[in-house]
């Protein structure tokens, strides 16, 4: 089984979009395991 680590920002919009992409990939490639990883940047922490 292939594994894909999908990085995303932590906002609700970014997580929703990334989950949509992950679901499309899972449905297209049955042997693919997709894991979402939230990435926090310096800009995210400052704002």
N, C-alpha and C. Protein backbone atom coordinates (compact mmCIF):
# COMPACT_ATOMS: atom_id res chain seq x y z
N UNK A 1 0.84 -1.18 0.00
CA UNK A 1 0.00 0.00 0.00
C UNK A 1 0.89 1.24 0.00
N UNK A 2 0.61 2.14 -0.91
CA UNK A 2 1.35 3.40 -1.00
C UNK A 2 0.79 4.38 0.03
N UNK A 3 1.67 5.23 0.52
CA UNK A 3 1.27 6.22 1.54
C UNK A 3 1.62 7.62 1.04
N UNK A 4 0.67 8.53 1.19
CA UNK A 4 0.87 9.92 0.81
C UNK A 4 0.61 10.80 2.02
N UNK A 5 1.56 11.64 2.34
CA UNK A 5 1.41 12.60 3.42
C UNK A 5 1.07 13.94 2.77
N UNK A 6 -0.12 14.45 3.06
CA UNK A 6 -0.62 15.67 2.44
C UNK A 6 -0.56 16.81 3.45
N UNK A 7 0.28 17.79 3.19
CA UNK A 7 0.42 18.93 4.09
C UNK A 7 -0.65 19.97 3.84
N UNK A 8 -1.15 20.56 4.91
CA UNK A 8 -2.18 21.58 4.80
C UNK A 8 -2.03 22.60 5.92
N UNK A 9 -2.48 23.79 5.67
CA UNK A 9 -2.52 24.78 6.75
C UNK A 9 -3.69 24.45 7.66
N UNK A 10 -3.75 25.09 8.81
CA UNK A 10 -4.73 24.72 9.82
C UNK A 10 -6.09 25.39 9.75
N UNK A 11 -6.27 26.31 8.81
CA UNK A 11 -7.57 27.00 8.74
C UNK A 11 -8.66 26.02 8.30
N UNK A 12 -9.89 26.36 8.64
CA UNK A 12 -11.02 25.51 8.27
C UNK A 12 -11.10 25.33 6.76
N UNK A 13 -10.89 26.41 6.01
CA UNK A 13 -10.95 26.33 4.55
C UNK A 13 -9.86 25.42 4.00
N UNK A 14 -8.64 25.59 4.47
CA UNK A 14 -7.53 24.77 3.98
C UNK A 14 -7.75 23.30 4.32
N UNK A 15 -8.23 23.02 5.51
CA UNK A 15 -8.47 21.62 5.90
C UNK A 15 -9.59 21.01 5.07
N UNK A 16 -10.65 21.79 4.81
CA UNK A 16 -11.76 21.30 3.99
C UNK A 16 -11.29 21.00 2.57
N UNK A 17 -10.51 21.90 1.99
CA UNK A 17 -9.99 21.68 0.64
C UNK A 17 -9.06 20.48 0.59
N UNK A 18 -8.21 20.33 1.58
CA UNK A 18 -7.27 19.21 1.61
C UNK A 18 -7.99 17.89 1.81
N UNK A 19 -9.02 17.88 2.62
CA UNK A 19 -9.80 16.66 2.83
C UNK A 19 -10.51 16.26 1.54
N UNK A 20 -10.99 17.25 0.79
CA UNK A 20 -11.63 16.98 -0.50
C UNK A 20 -10.64 16.32 -1.45
N UNK A 21 -9.43 16.88 -1.54
CA UNK A 21 -8.38 16.31 -2.39
C UNK A 21 -8.04 14.90 -1.93
N UNK A 22 -7.89 14.72 -0.63
CA UNK A 22 -7.55 13.40 -0.08
C UNK A 22 -8.63 12.38 -0.44
N UNK A 23 -9.89 12.75 -0.35
CA UNK A 23 -10.97 11.83 -0.69
C UNK A 23 -10.98 11.48 -2.17
N UNK A 24 -10.72 12.44 -3.03
CA UNK A 24 -10.63 12.16 -4.46
C UNK A 24 -9.50 11.18 -4.73
N UNK A 25 -8.35 11.40 -4.10
CA UNK A 25 -7.21 10.49 -4.28
C UNK A 25 -7.52 9.09 -3.77
N UNK A 26 -8.15 9.01 -2.61
CA UNK A 26 -8.52 7.70 -2.04
C UNK A 26 -9.48 6.95 -2.95
N UNK A 27 -10.45 7.68 -3.52
CA UNK A 27 -11.43 7.04 -4.41
C UNK A 27 -10.84 6.66 -5.75
N UNK A 28 -9.82 7.38 -6.19
CA UNK A 28 -9.19 7.10 -7.48
C UNK A 28 -8.16 5.98 -7.37
N UNK A 29 -7.42 5.96 -6.27
CA UNK A 29 -6.35 4.98 -6.07
C UNK A 29 -6.67 4.17 -4.82
N UNK A 30 -7.27 3.00 -5.02
CA UNK A 30 -7.75 2.18 -3.90
C UNK A 30 -6.64 1.78 -2.94
N UNK A 31 -5.42 1.62 -3.44
CA UNK A 31 -4.30 1.18 -2.59
C UNK A 31 -3.54 2.34 -1.95
N UNK A 32 -4.09 3.53 -2.01
CA UNK A 32 -3.39 4.71 -1.49
C UNK A 32 -3.91 5.08 -0.10
N UNK A 33 -2.99 5.24 0.82
CA UNK A 33 -3.31 5.73 2.16
C UNK A 33 -2.91 7.20 2.21
N UNK A 34 -3.87 8.07 2.51
CA UNK A 34 -3.61 9.51 2.55
C UNK A 34 -3.76 10.00 3.99
N UNK A 35 -2.73 10.69 4.46
CA UNK A 35 -2.74 11.25 5.82
C UNK A 35 -2.57 12.76 5.71
N UNK A 36 -3.43 13.50 6.40
CA UNK A 36 -3.31 14.96 6.43
C UNK A 36 -2.40 15.37 7.58
N UNK A 37 -1.50 16.29 7.29
CA UNK A 37 -0.60 16.81 8.32
C UNK A 37 -0.74 18.33 8.32
N UNK A 38 -1.13 18.91 9.43
CA UNK A 38 -1.29 20.36 9.53
C UNK A 38 0.08 21.00 9.72
N UNK A 39 0.36 21.98 8.88
CA UNK A 39 1.62 22.70 8.90
C UNK A 39 1.35 24.12 9.39
N UNK A 40 2.08 24.55 10.39
CA UNK A 40 1.95 25.91 10.92
C UNK A 40 3.20 26.70 10.55
N UNK A 41 2.99 27.83 9.89
CA UNK A 41 4.10 28.68 9.47
C UNK A 41 4.30 29.80 10.48
N UNK A 42 5.40 30.50 10.35
CA UNK A 42 5.66 31.65 11.22
C UNK A 42 4.56 32.68 11.07
N UNK A 43 4.11 32.91 9.85
CA UNK A 43 3.03 33.87 9.62
C UNK A 43 1.74 33.46 10.32
N UNK A 44 1.45 32.17 10.35
CA UNK A 44 0.26 31.69 11.05
C UNK A 44 0.35 31.98 12.55
N UNK A 45 1.54 31.83 13.10
CA UNK A 45 1.72 32.04 14.54
C UNK A 45 1.68 33.53 14.89
N UNK A 46 2.19 34.39 14.01
CA UNK A 46 2.25 35.83 14.28
C UNK A 46 0.85 36.44 14.15
N UNK A 47 0.11 36.02 13.15
CA UNK A 47 -1.23 36.57 12.93
C UNK A 47 -2.19 35.85 13.80
